[in-house]
């Protein structure tokens, strides 16, 4: 699942924030903010994408670089949200 999440996030970033065709040049651990790929408005767009695509709710206190600043961090965050939803539904 993480692989699919990472691919979807990479595709979204490439299509919405990169003005040249080098989405593959972004490493999984590269800081999207430090690289100037996204800014604060871009983070909000990313959050909307994640909520819509993966049917999750991103809480205000979860909008942290640890969760949203790299493709790997985003993939792990979404995976955790999906896993916690599975646990809640199973309970």
PDB file of N, CA and C in Angstrom:
ATOM      1  N   UNK A   1       0.819  -1.195   0.000  1.00  0.00           N
ATOM      2  CA  UNK A   1       0.000   0.000   0.000  1.00  0.00           C
ATOM      3  C   UNK A   1       0.864   1.259   0.000  1.00  0.00           C
ATOM      4  N   UNK A   2       1.949   1.259   0.791  1.00  0.00           N
ATOM      5  CA  UNK A   2       2.810   2.442   0.852  1.00  0.00           C
ATOM      6  C   UNK A   2       3.334   2.830  -0.523  1.00  0.00           C
ATOM      7  N   UNK A   3       3.676   1.818  -1.331  1.00  0.00           N
ATOM      8  CA  UNK A   3       4.212   2.080  -2.669  1.00  0.00           C
ATOM      9  C   UNK A   3       3.177   2.836  -3.508  1.00  0.00           C
ATOM     10  N   UNK A   4       1.925   2.395  -3.449  1.00  0.00           N
ATOM     11  CA  UNK A   4       0.856   3.059  -4.192  1.00  0.00           C
ATOM     12  C   UNK A   4       0.635   4.479  -3.678  1.00  0.00           C
ATOM     13  N   UNK A   5       0.709   4.669  -2.375  1.00  0.00           N
ATOM     14  CA  UNK A   5       0.549   6.002  -1.787  1.00  0.00           C
ATOM     15  C   UNK A   5       1.653   6.907  -2.302  1.00  0.00           C
ATOM     16  N   UNK A   6       2.886   6.431  -2.251  1.00  0.00           N
ATOM     17  CA  UNK A   6       4.024   7.220  -2.717  1.00  0.00           C
ATOM     18  C   UNK A   6       3.906   7.598  -4.178  1.00  0.00           C
ATOM     19  N   UNK A   7       3.457   6.669  -5.011  1.00  0.00           N
ATOM     20  CA  UNK A   7       3.280   6.958  -6.434  1.00  0.00           C
ATOM     21  C   UNK A   7       2.200   8.012  -6.654  1.00  0.00           C
ATOM     22  N   UNK A   8       1.094   7.892  -5.932  1.00  0.00           N
ATOM     23  CA  UNK A   8       0.003   8.860  -6.079  1.00  0.00           C
ATOM     24  C   UNK A   8       0.454  10.247  -5.630  1.00  0.00           C
ATOM     25  N   UNK A   9       1.182  10.310  -4.533  1.00  0.00           N
ATOM     26  CA  UNK A   9       1.675  11.599  -4.021  1.00  0.00           C
ATOM     27  C   UNK A   9       2.677  12.197  -5.000  1.00  0.00           C
ATOM     28  N   UNK A  10       3.599  11.388  -5.492  1.00  0.00           N
ATOM     29  CA  UNK A  10       4.584  11.872  -6.458  1.00  0.00           C
ATOM     30  C   UNK A  10       3.896  12.416  -7.708  1.00  0.00           C
ATOM     31  N   UNK A  11       2.896  11.710  -8.191  1.00  0.00           N
ATOM     32  CA  UNK A  11       2.162  12.150  -9.377  1.00  0.00           C
ATOM     33  C   UNK A  11       1.451  13.478  -9.112  1.00  0.00           C
ATOM     34  N   UNK A  12       0.810  13.598  -7.941  1.00  0.00           N
ATOM     35  CA  UNK A  12       0.121  14.842  -7.584  1.00  0.00           C
ATOM     36  C   UNK A  12       1.095  16.009  -7.529  1.00  0.00           C
ATOM     37  N   UNK A  13       2.234  15.802  -6.875  1.00  0.00           N
ATOM     38  CA  UNK A  13       3.231  16.874  -6.759  1.00  0.00           C
ATOM     39  C   UNK A  13       3.765  17.247  -8.135  1.00  0.00           C
ATOM     40  N   UNK A  14       4.063  16.255  -8.951  1.00  0.00           N
ATOM     41  CA  UNK A  14       4.581  16.527 -10.298  1.00  0.00           C
ATOM     42  C   UNK A  14       3.590  17.321 -11.134  1.00  0.00           C
ATOM     43  N   UNK A  15       2.329  16.928 -11.065  1.00  0.00           N
ATOM     44  CA  UNK A  15       1.313  17.573 -11.897  1.00  0.00           C
ATOM     45  C   UNK A  15       0.913  18.954 -11.401  1.00  0.00           C
ATOM     46  N   UNK A  16       1.052  19.195 -10.094  1.00  0.00           N
ATOM     47  CA  UNK A  16       0.536  20.439  -9.531  1.00  0.00           C
ATOM     48  C   UNK A  16       1.588  21.450  -9.084  1.00  0.00           C
ATOM     49  N   UNK A  17       2.814  21.001  -8.859  1.00  0.00           N
ATOM     50  CA  UNK A  17       3.808  21.913  -8.301  1.00  0.00           C
ATOM     51  C   UNK A  17       5.093  22.036  -9.114  1.00  0.00           C
ATOM     52  N   UNK A  18       5.345  21.087 -10.004  1.00  0.00           N
ATOM     53  CA  UNK A  18       6.556  21.148 -10.801  1.00  0.00           C
ATOM     54  C   UNK A  18       6.217  21.662 -12.187  1.00  0.00           C
ATOM     55  N   UNK A  19       6.992  22.595 -12.665  1.00  0.00           N
ATOM     56  CA  UNK A  19       6.712  23.202 -13.955  1.00  0.00           C
ATOM     57  C   UNK A  19       7.576  22.612 -15.063  1.00  0.00           C
ATOM     58  N   UNK A  20       8.262  21.555 -14.737  1.00  0.00           N
ATOM     59  CA  UNK A  20       9.046  20.839 -15.733  1.00  0.00           C
ATOM     60  C   UNK A  20       8.860  19.352 -15.451  1.00  0.00           C
ATOM     61  N   UNK A  21       9.198  18.538 -16.385  1.00  0.00           N
ATOM     62  CA  UNK A  21       8.939  17.110 -16.277  1.00  0.00           C
ATOM     63  C   UNK A  21      10.089  16.387 -15.573  1.00  0.00           C
ATOM     64  N   UNK A  22      10.286  16.698 -14.291  1.00  0.00           N
ATOM     65  CA  UNK A  22      11.353  16.023 -13.542  1.00  0.00           C
ATOM     66  C   UNK A  22      10.860  15.537 -12.180  1.00  0.00           C
ATOM     67  N   UNK A  23       9.626  15.063 -12.146  1.00  0.00           N
ATOM     68  CA  UNK A  23       9.070  14.536 -10.905  1.00  0.00           C
ATOM     69  C   UNK A  23       9.869  13.382 -10.339  1.00  0.00           C
ATOM     70  N   UNK A  24      10.526  12.625 -11.216  1.00  0.00           N
ATOM     71  CA  UNK A  24      11.346  11.511 -10.742  1.00  0.00           C
ATOM     72  C   UNK A  24      12.621  11.987 -10.063  1.00  0.00           C
ATOM     73  N   UNK A  25      12.968  13.270 -10.251  1.00  0.00           N
ATOM     74  CA  UNK A  25      14.182  13.807  -9.637  1.00  0.00           C
ATOM     75  C   UNK A  25      13.995  14.048  -8.136  1.00  0.00           C
ATOM     76  N   UNK A  26      12.768  14.064  -7.667  1.00  0.00           N
ATOM     77  CA  UNK A  26      12.503  14.252  -6.241  1.00  0.00           C
ATOM     78  C   UNK A  26      12.772  12.930  -5.530  1.00  0.00           C
ATOM     79  N   UNK A  27      13.636  12.951  -4.526  1.00  0.00           N
ATOM     80  CA  UNK A  27      13.882  11.731  -3.765  1.00  0.00           C
ATOM     81  C   UNK A  27      12.761  11.538  -2.749  1.00  0.00           C
ATOM     82  N   UNK A  28      12.638  10.345  -2.247  1.00  0.00           N
ATOM     83  CA  UNK A  28      11.585  10.047  -1.267  1.00  0.00           C
ATOM     84  C   UNK A  28      11.761  10.822   0.029  1.00  0.00           C
ATOM     85  N   UNK A  29      13.001  11.183   0.358  1.00  0.00           N
ATOM     86  CA  UNK A  29      13.268  11.861   1.624  1.00  0.00           C
ATOM     87  C   UNK A  29      13.517  13.354   1.472  1.00  0.00           C
ATOM     88  N   UNK A  30      13.465  13.873   0.266  1.00  0.00           N
ATOM     89  CA  UNK A  30      13.738  15.292   0.025  1.00  0.00           C
ATOM     90  C   UNK A  30      12.648  16.158   0.661  1.00  0.00           C
ATOM     91  N   UNK A  31      13.066  17.207   1.357  1.00  0.00           N
ATOM     92  CA  UNK A  31      12.121  18.142   1.958  1.00  0.00           C
ATOM     93  C   UNK A  31      11.450  18.950   0.850  1.00  0.00           C
ATOM     94  N   UNK A  32      10.148  18.820   0.753  1.00  0.00           N
ATOM     95  CA  UNK A  32       9.403  19.549  -0.269  1.00  0.00           C
ATOM     96  C   UNK A  32       9.385  21.047   0.018  1.00  0.00           C
ATOM     97  N   UNK A  33       9.389  21.397   1.300  1.00  0.00           N
ATOM     98  CA  UNK A  33       9.402  22.811   1.687  1.00  0.00           C
ATOM     99  C   UNK A  33      10.771  23.429   1.461  1.00  0.00           C
ATOM    100  N   UNK A  34      11.816  22.764   1.925  1.00  0.00           N
ATOM    101  CA  UNK A  34      13.178  23.294   1.768  1.00  0.00           C
ATOM    102  C   UNK A  34      13.580  23.414   0.303  1.00  0.00           C
ATOM    103  N   UNK A  35      13.090  22.500  -0.526  1.00  0.00           N
ATOM    104  CA  UNK A  35      13.417  22.531  -1.947  1.00  0.00           C
ATOM    105  C   UNK A  35      12.580  23.564  -2.701  1.00  0.00           C
ATOM    106  N   UNK A  36      11.624  24.179  -2.005  1.00  0.00           N
ATOM    107  CA  UNK A  36      10.779  25.175  -2.647  1.00  0.00           C
ATOM    108  C   UNK A  36       9.740  24.577  -3.588  1.00  0.00           C
ATOM    109  N   UNK A  37       9.474  23.296  -3.428  1.00  0.00           N
ATOM    110  CA  UNK A  37       8.504  22.630  -4.296  1.00  0.00           C
ATOM    111  C   UNK A  37       7.081  23.001  -3.878  1.00  0.00           C
ATOM    112  N   UNK A  38       6.840  23.024  -2.570  1.00  0.00           N
ATOM    113  CA  UNK A  38       5.542  23.477  -2.077  1.00  0.00           C
ATOM    114  C   UNK A  38       5.762  24.540  -1.017  1.00  0.00           C
ATOM    115  N   UNK A  39       4.747  25.379  -0.841  1.00  0.00           N
ATOM    116  CA  UNK A  39       4.760  26.396   0.204  1.00  0.00           C
ATOM    117  C   UNK A  39       3.552  26.140   1.105  1.00  0.00           C
ATOM    118  N   UNK A  40       3.220  27.079   1.963  1.00  0.00           N
ATOM    119  CA  UNK A  40       2.125  26.851   2.906  1.00  0.00           C
ATOM    120  C   UNK A  40       0.795  26.634   2.194  1.00  0.00           C
ATOM    121  N   UNK A  41       0.570  27.344   1.107  1.00  0.00           N
ATOM    122  CA  UNK A  41      -0.647  27.133   0.332  1.00  0.00           C
ATOM    123  C   UNK A  41      -0.619  25.756  -0.323  1.00  0.00           C
ATOM    124  N   UNK A  42       0.542  25.354  -0.786  1.00  0.00           N
ATOM    125  CA  UNK A  42       0.699  24.032  -1.378  1.00  0.00           C
ATOM    126  C   UNK A  42       0.424  22.925  -0.381  1.00  0.00           C
ATOM    127  N   UNK A  43       0.801  23.152   0.873  1.00  0.00           N
ATOM    128  CA  UNK A  43       0.522  22.153   1.911  1.00  0.00           C
ATOM    129  C   UNK A  43      -0.985  21.965   2.044  1.00  0.00           C
ATOM    130  N   UNK A  44      -1.734  23.053   1.994  1.00  0.00           N
ATOM    131  CA  UNK A  44      -3.193  22.954   2.084  1.00  0.00           C
ATOM    132  C   UNK A  44      -3.769  22.202   0.886  1.00  0.00           C
ATOM    133  N   UNK A  45      -3.228  22.450  -0.294  1.00  0.00           N
ATOM    134  CA  UNK A  45      -3.657  21.712  -1.487  1.00  0.00           C
ATOM    135  C   UNK A  45      -3.334  20.226  -1.339  1.00  0.00           C
ATOM    136  N   UNK A  46      -2.146  19.941  -0.814  1.00  0.00           N
ATOM    137  CA  UNK A  46      -1.739  18.561  -0.584  1.00  0.00           C
ATOM    138  C   UNK A  46      -2.678  17.881   0.404  1.00  0.00           C
ATOM    139  N   UNK A  47      -3.025  18.569   1.473  1.00  0.00           N
ATOM    140  CA  UNK A  47      -3.934  18.016   2.482  1.00  0.00           C
ATOM    141  C   UNK A  47      -5.287  17.694   1.851  1.00  0.00           C
ATOM    142  N   UNK A  48      -5.812  18.604   1.037  1.00  0.00           N
ATOM    143  CA  UNK A  48      -7.090  18.350   0.345  1.00  0.00           C
ATOM    144  C   UNK A  48      -6.989  17.115  -0.545  1.00  0.00           C
ATOM    145  N   UNK A  49      -5.863  17.004  -1.261  1.00  0.00           N
ATOM    146  CA  UNK A  49      -5.638  15.838  -2.110  1.00  0.00           C
ATOM    147  C   UNK A  49      -5.638  14.551  -1.278  1.00  0.00           C
ATOM    148  N   UNK A  50      -4.913  14.553  -0.165  1.00  0.00           N
ATOM    149  CA  UNK A  50      -4.820  13.357   0.676  1.00  0.00           C
ATOM    150  C   UNK A  50      -6.188  12.983   1.236  1.00  0.00           C
ATOM    151  N   UNK A  51      -6.928  13.971   1.710  1.00  0.00           N
ATOM    152  CA  UNK A  51      -8.239  13.691   2.292  1.00  0.00           C
ATOM    153  C   UNK A  51      -9.193  13.116   1.241  1.00  0.00           C
ATOM    154  N   UNK A  52      -9.177  13.673   0.066  1.00  0.00           N
ATOM    155  CA  UNK A  52     -10.066  13.229  -1.006  1.00  0.00           C
ATOM    156  C   UNK A  52      -9.648  11.867  -1.564  1.00  0.00           C
ATOM    157  N   UNK A  53      -8.371  11.725  -1.833  1.00  0.00           N
ATOM    158  CA  UNK A  53      -7.871  10.509  -2.479  1.00  0.00           C
ATOM    159  C   UNK A  53      -7.909   9.294  -1.561  1.00  0.00           C
ATOM    160  N   UNK A  54      -7.531   9.494  -0.305  1.00  0.00           N
ATOM    161  CA  UNK A  54      -7.399   8.359   0.610  1.00  0.00           C
ATOM    162  C   UNK A  54      -8.498   8.292   1.653  1.00  0.00           C
ATOM    163  N   UNK A  55      -9.480   9.200   1.551  1.00  0.00           N
ATOM    164  CA  UNK A  55     -10.622   9.221   2.464  1.00  0.00           C
ATOM    165  C   UNK A  55     -10.169   9.250   3.928  1.00  0.00           C
ATOM    166  N   UNK A  56      -9.275  10.190   4.207  1.00  0.00           N
ATOM    167  CA  UNK A  56      -8.801  10.387   5.579  1.00  0.00           C
ATOM    168  C   UNK A  56      -9.109  11.819   5.981  1.00  0.00           C
ATOM    169  N   UNK A  57      -9.009  12.092   7.271  1.00  0.00           N
ATOM    170  CA  UNK A  57      -9.168  13.456   7.769  1.00  0.00           C
ATOM    171  C   UNK A  57      -7.854  13.874   8.425  1.00  0.00           C
ATOM    172  N   UNK A  58      -7.261  14.929   7.902  1.00  0.00           N
ATOM    173  CA  UNK A  58      -6.014  15.452   8.452  1.00  0.00           C
ATOM    174  C   UNK A  58      -6.374  16.514   9.482  1.00  0.00           C
ATOM    175  N   UNK A  59      -6.038  16.241  10.731  1.00  0.00           N
ATOM    176  CA  UNK A  59      -6.321  17.188  11.805  1.00  0.00           C
ATOM    177  C   UNK A  59      -5.316  18.339  11.764  1.00  0.00           C
ATOM    178  N   UNK A  60      -5.722  19.489  12.276  1.00  0.00           N
ATOM    179  CA  UNK A  60      -4.832  20.654  12.298  1.00  0.00           C
ATOM    180  C   UNK A  60      -3.500  20.343  12.985  1.00  0.00           C
ATOM    181  N   UNK A  61      -3.565  19.606  14.102  1.00  0.00           N
ATOM    182  CA  UNK A  61      -2.339  19.311  14.844  1.00  0.00           C
ATOM    183  C   UNK A  61      -1.473  18.247  14.174  1.00  0.00           C
ATOM    184  N   UNK A  62      -1.948  17.680  13.064  1.00  0.00           N
ATOM    185  CA  UNK A  62      -1.173  16.707  12.302  1.00  0.00           C
ATOM    186  C   UNK A  62      -0.467  17.333  11.105  1.00  0.00           C
ATOM    187  N   UNK A  63      -0.738  18.604  10.848  1.00  0.00           N
ATOM    188  CA  UNK A  63      -0.100  19.302   9.727  1.00  0.00           C
ATOM    189  C   UNK A  63       1.296  19.756  10.138  1.00  0.00           C
ATOM    190  N   UNK A  64       2.172  18.782  10.244  1.00  0.00           N
ATOM    191  CA  UNK A  64       3.542  18.990  10.694  1.00  0.00           C
ATOM    192  C   UNK A  64       4.515  18.495   9.630  1.00  0.00           C
ATOM    193  N   UNK A  65       5.724  19.069   9.609  1.00  0.00           N
ATOM    194  CA  UNK A  65       6.728  18.574   8.657  1.00  0.00           C
ATOM    195  C   UNK A  65       6.986  17.071   8.805  1.00  0.00           C
ATOM    196  N   UNK A  66       6.896  16.551  10.012  1.00  0.00           N
ATOM    197  CA  UNK A  66       7.120  15.117  10.219  1.00  0.00           C
ATOM    198  C   UNK A  66       6.137  14.280   9.411  1.00  0.00           C
ATOM    199  N   UNK A  67       4.972  14.851   9.106  1.00  0.00           N
ATOM    200  CA  UNK A  67       3.941  14.119   8.374  1.00  0.00           C
ATOM    201  C   UNK A  67       3.855  14.496   6.897  1.00  0.00           C
ATOM    202  N   UNK A  68       4.256  15.717   6.543  1.00  0.00           N
ATOM    203  CA  UNK A  68       3.920  16.227   5.218  1.00  0.00           C
ATOM    204  C   UNK A  68       5.076  16.834   4.434  1.00  0.00           C
ATOM    205  N   UNK A  69       6.317  16.644   4.860  1.00  0.00           N
ATOM    206  CA  UNK A  69       7.414  17.364   4.207  1.00  0.00           C
ATOM    207  C   UNK A  69       8.226  16.555   3.207  1.00  0.00           C
ATOM    208  N   UNK A  70       7.916  15.287   3.037  1.00  0.00           N
ATOM    209  CA  UNK A  70       8.608  14.482   2.029  1.00  0.00           C
ATOM    210  C   UNK A  70       7.645  13.393   1.555  1.00  0.00           C
ATOM    211  N   UNK A  71       7.949  12.817   0.440  1.00  0.00           N
ATOM    212  CA  UNK A  71       7.089  11.749  -0.076  1.00  0.00           C
ATOM    213  C   UNK A  71       7.063  10.580   0.902  1.00  0.00           C
ATOM    214  N   UNK A  72       8.195  10.249   1.482  1.00  0.00           N
ATOM    215  CA  UNK A  72       8.240   9.147   2.454  1.00  0.00           C
ATOM    216  C   UNK A  72       7.412   9.477   3.694  1.00  0.00           C
ATOM    217  N   UNK A  73       7.536  10.704   4.201  1.00  0.00           N
ATOM    218  CA  UNK A  73       6.777  11.105   5.390  1.00  0.00           C
ATOM    219  C   UNK A  73       5.274  11.080   5.107  1.00  0.00           C
ATOM    220  N   UNK A  74       4.893  11.580   3.945  1.00  0.00           N
ATOM    221  CA  UNK A  74       3.477  11.599   3.572  1.00  0.00           C
ATOM    222  C   UNK A  74       2.947  10.172   3.443  1.00  0.00           C
ATOM    223  N   UNK A  75       3.695   9.309   2.784  1.00  0.00           N
ATOM    224  CA  UNK A  75       3.282   7.911   2.612  1.00  0.00           C
ATOM    225  C   UNK A  75       3.109   7.223   3.957  1.00  0.00           C
ATOM    226  N   UNK A  76       4.054   7.419   4.849  1.00  0.00           N
ATOM    227  CA  UNK A  76       3.968   6.806   6.180  1.00  0.00           C
ATOM    228  C   UNK A  76       2.783   7.358   6.963  1.00  0.00           C
ATOM    229  N   UNK A  77       2.583   8.656   6.878  1.00  0.00           N
ATOM    230  CA  UNK A  77       1.469   9.294   7.584  1.00  0.00           C
ATOM    231  C   UNK A  77       0.134   8.736   7.082  1.00  0.00           C
ATOM    232  N   UNK A  78      -0.063   8.710   5.775  1.00  0.00           N
ATOM    233  CA  UNK A  78      -1.313   8.200   5.211  1.00  0.00           C
ATOM    234  C   UNK A  78      -1.490   6.732   5.583  1.00  0.00           C
ATOM    235  N   UNK A  79      -0.439   5.957   5.511  1.00  0.00           N
ATOM    236  CA  UNK A  79      -0.506   4.543   5.881  1.00  0.00           C
ATOM    237  C   UNK A  79      -0.948   4.385   7.336  1.00  0.00           C
ATOM    238  N   UNK A  80      -0.391   5.204   8.232  1.00  0.00           N
ATOM    239  CA  UNK A  80      -0.791   5.148   9.650  1.00  0.00           C
ATOM    240  C   UNK A  80      -2.266   5.505   9.818  1.00  0.00           C
ATOM    241  N   UNK A  81      -2.718   6.527   9.096  1.00  0.00           N
ATOM    242  CA  UNK A  81      -4.121   6.939   9.188  1.00  0.00           C
ATOM    243  C   UNK A  81      -5.038   5.808   8.701  1.00  0.00           C
ATOM    244  N   UNK A  82      -4.668   5.170   7.609  1.00  0.00           N
ATOM    245  CA  UNK A  82      -5.478   4.083   7.072  1.00  0.00           C
ATOM    246  C   UNK A  82      -5.484   2.883   8.014  1.00  0.00           C
ATOM    247  N   UNK A  83      -4.338   2.579   8.605  1.00  0.00           N
ATOM    248  CA  UNK A  83      -4.256   1.467   9.557  1.00  0.00           C
ATOM    249  C   UNK A  83      -5.093   1.746  10.799  1.00  0.00           C
ATOM    250  N   UNK A  84      -5.046   2.969  11.304  1.00  0.00           N
ATOM    251  CA  UNK A  84      -5.827   3.294  12.505  1.00  0.00           C
ATOM    252  C   UNK A  84      -7.321   3.211  12.203  1.00  0.00           C
ATOM    253  N   UNK A  85      -7.716   3.557  10.984  1.00  0.00           N
ATOM    254  CA  UNK A  85      -9.126   3.446  10.609  1.00  0.00           C
ATOM    255  C   UNK A  85      -9.540   1.980  10.571  1.00  0.00           C
ATOM    256  N   UNK A  86      -8.657   1.110  10.074  1.00  0.00           N
ATOM    257  CA  UNK A  86      -8.958  -0.330  10.049  1.00  0.00           C
ATOM    258  C   UNK A  86      -9.161  -0.861  11.465  1.00  0.00           C
ATOM    259  N   UNK A  87      -8.303  -0.417  12.386  1.00  0.00           N
ATOM    260  CA  UNK A  87      -8.399  -0.859  13.786  1.00  0.00           C
ATOM    261  C   UNK A  87      -9.708  -0.375  14.395  1.00  0.00           C
ATOM    262  N   UNK A  88     -10.070   0.877  14.118  1.00  0.00           N
ATOM    263  CA  UNK A  88     -11.323   1.425  14.647  1.00  0.00           C
ATOM    264  C   UNK A  88     -12.529   0.674  14.103  1.00  0.00           C
ATOM    265  N   UNK A  89     -12.515   0.335  12.826  1.00  0.00           N
ATOM    266  CA  UNK A  89     -13.626  -0.378  12.227  1.00  0.00           C
ATOM    267  C   UNK A  89     -13.732  -1.808  12.745  1.00  0.00           C
ATOM    268  N   UNK A  90     -12.595  -2.403  13.081  1.00  0.00           N
ATOM    269  CA  UNK A  90     -12.574  -3.777  13.572  1.00  0.00           C
ATOM    270  C   UNK A  90     -13.031  -3.865  15.022  1.00  0.00           C
ATOM    271  N   UNK A  91     -12.936  -2.766  15.750  1.00  0.00           N
ATOM    272  CA  UNK A  91     -13.297  -2.781  17.177  1.00  0.00           C
ATOM    273  C   UNK A  91     -14.787  -2.792  17.404  1.00  0.00           C
TER     274      UNK A  91
END
